[in-house]
Amino acid sequence: MATIQVAPWAPHCSKRIFSERTGESISYIEKQIAEGHYPILPKESPNSAVRINLVALFAKNAVLAEQVL
């Protein structure tokens, strides 16, 4: 079986950058985060920005892709 390697562009990013890269709206991204579909890094303080954990997101999707194939 052939393997495909896909790497995230960064280990984590802000909602704004994720929105720019994916074309998804900020409100949709916030909904996905609230529902647990997009993993985030722990916040360092209550006022710090939300950072989407791209490594965890790519790993989660890789497992799902393996189940389909």
C-alpha atoms as a PDB file:
ATOM      1  CA  MET A   1       0.000   0.000   0.000  1.00  0.00           C
ATOM      2  CA  ALA A   2       1.306   3.465  -0.873  1.00  0.00           C
ATOM      3  CA  THR A   3       1.685   6.061   1.838  1.00  0.00           C
ATOM      4  CA  ILE A   4       1.011   9.744   1.587  1.00  0.00           C
ATOM      5  CA  GLN A   5       2.729  12.213   3.859  1.00  0.00           C
ATOM      6  CA  VAL A   6       0.947  15.430   4.664  1.00  0.00           C
ATOM      7  CA  ALA A   7       2.501  18.000   6.964  1.00  0.00           C
ATOM      8  CA  PRO A   8       0.859  21.009   8.588  1.00  0.00           C
ATOM      9  CA  TRP A   9       2.257  24.418   7.641  1.00  0.00           C
ATOM     10  CA  ALA A  10       2.920  25.148  11.344  1.00  0.00           C
ATOM     11  CA  PRO A  11       2.402  23.285  14.642  1.00  0.00           C
ATOM     12  CA  HIS A  12      -0.387  25.682  15.625  1.00  0.00           C
ATOM     13  CA  CYS A  13      -2.046  28.863  14.387  1.00  0.00           C
ATOM     14  CA  SER A  14      -4.630  31.484  15.279  1.00  0.00           C
ATOM     15  CA  LYS A  15      -8.253  31.319  14.202  1.00  0.00           C
ATOM     16  CA  ARG A  16      -7.605  34.206  11.789  1.00  0.00           C
ATOM     17  CA  ILE A  17      -4.701  32.448  10.056  1.00  0.00           C
ATOM     18  CA  PHE A  18      -6.648  29.171   9.950  1.00  0.00           C
ATOM     19  CA  SER A  19      -9.558  31.045   8.378  1.00  0.00           C
ATOM     20  CA  GLU A  20      -7.304  32.614   5.746  1.00  0.00           C
ATOM     21  CA  ARG A  21      -5.687  29.273   4.892  1.00  0.00           C
ATOM     22  CA  THR A  22      -8.876  27.201   4.764  1.00  0.00           C
ATOM     23  CA  GLY A  23     -11.462  29.726   3.595  1.00  0.00           C
ATOM     24  CA  GLU A  24     -13.699  28.915   6.554  1.00  0.00           C
ATOM     25  CA  SER A  25     -15.391  31.728   8.446  1.00  0.00           C
ATOM     26  CA  ILE A  26     -14.287  32.602  11.971  1.00  0.00           C
ATOM     27  CA  SER A  27     -17.777  31.776  13.277  1.00  0.00           C
ATOM     28  CA  TYR A  28     -17.634  28.301  11.694  1.00  0.00           C
ATOM     29  CA  ILE A  29     -14.179  27.715  13.176  1.00  0.00           C
ATOM     30  CA  GLU A  30     -15.428  28.788  16.612  1.00  0.00           C
ATOM     31  CA  LYS A  31     -18.357  26.366  16.264  1.00  0.00           C
ATOM     32  CA  GLN A  32     -16.015  23.518  15.330  1.00  0.00           C
ATOM     33  CA  ILE A  33     -13.798  24.332  18.333  1.00  0.00           C
ATOM     34  CA  ALA A  34     -16.815  24.423  20.671  1.00  0.00           C
ATOM     35  CA  GLU A  35     -17.986  21.030  19.370  1.00  0.00           C
ATOM     36  CA  GLY A  36     -14.500  19.551  19.842  1.00  0.00           C
ATOM     37  CA  HIS A  37     -13.768  19.001  16.149  1.00  0.00           C
ATOM     38  CA  TYR A  38     -10.772  21.367  16.086  1.00  0.00           C
ATOM     39  CA  PRO A  39      -8.277  20.737  18.905  1.00  0.00           C
ATOM     40  CA  ILE A  40      -6.778  23.787  20.574  1.00  0.00           C
ATOM     41  CA  LEU A  41      -3.722  24.336  22.722  1.00  0.00           C
ATOM     42  CA  PRO A  42      -4.232  25.133  26.401  1.00  0.00           C
ATOM     43  CA  LYS A  43      -4.430  28.879  26.928  1.00  0.00           C
ATOM     44  CA  GLU A  44      -1.548  30.387  28.913  1.00  0.00           C
ATOM     45  CA  SER A  45      -3.846  33.044  30.369  1.00  0.00           C
ATOM     46  CA  PRO A  46      -7.564  33.859  30.128  1.00  0.00           C
ATOM     47  CA  ASN A  47      -6.805  36.715  27.711  1.00  0.00           C
ATOM     48  CA  SER A  48      -4.447  34.813  25.414  1.00  0.00           C
ATOM     49  CA  ALA A  49      -5.494  33.980  21.872  1.00  0.00           C
ATOM     50  CA  VAL A  50      -6.951  30.617  20.924  1.00  0.00           C
ATOM     51  CA  ARG A  51      -4.390  28.536  19.026  1.00  0.00           C
ATOM     52  CA  ILE A  52      -5.598  25.655  16.840  1.00  0.00           C
ATOM     53  CA  ASN A  53      -3.372  22.607  17.280  1.00  0.00           C
ATOM     54  CA  LEU A  54      -2.630  21.663  13.673  1.00  0.00           C
ATOM     55  CA  VAL A  55      -0.467  18.653  14.567  1.00  0.00           C
ATOM     56  CA  ALA A  56      -3.345  17.095  16.528  1.00  0.00           C
ATOM     57  CA  LEU A  57      -5.843  18.007  13.801  1.00  0.00           C
ATOM     58  CA  PHE A  58      -3.701  16.421  11.062  1.00  0.00           C
ATOM     59  CA  ALA A  59      -3.104  13.310  13.219  1.00  0.00           C
ATOM     60  CA  LYS A  60      -6.847  12.963  13.890  1.00  0.00           C
ATOM     61  CA  ASN A  61      -7.628  13.244  10.183  1.00  0.00           C
ATOM     62  CA  ALA A  62      -4.882  10.753   9.294  1.00  0.00           C
ATOM     63  CA  VAL A  63      -6.493   8.165  11.580  1.00  0.00           C
ATOM     64  CA  LEU A  64      -9.890   8.838   9.989  1.00  0.00           C
ATOM     65  CA  ALA A  65      -8.378   8.497   6.509  1.00  0.00           C
ATOM     66  CA  GLU A  66      -6.829   5.136   7.438  1.00  0.00           C
ATOM     67  CA  GLN A  67     -10.247   3.864   8.544  1.00  0.00           C
ATOM     68  CA  VAL A  68     -11.760   4.821   5.190  1.00  0.00           C
ATOM     69  CA  LEU A  69      -9.002   3.219   3.137  1.00  0.00           C
END
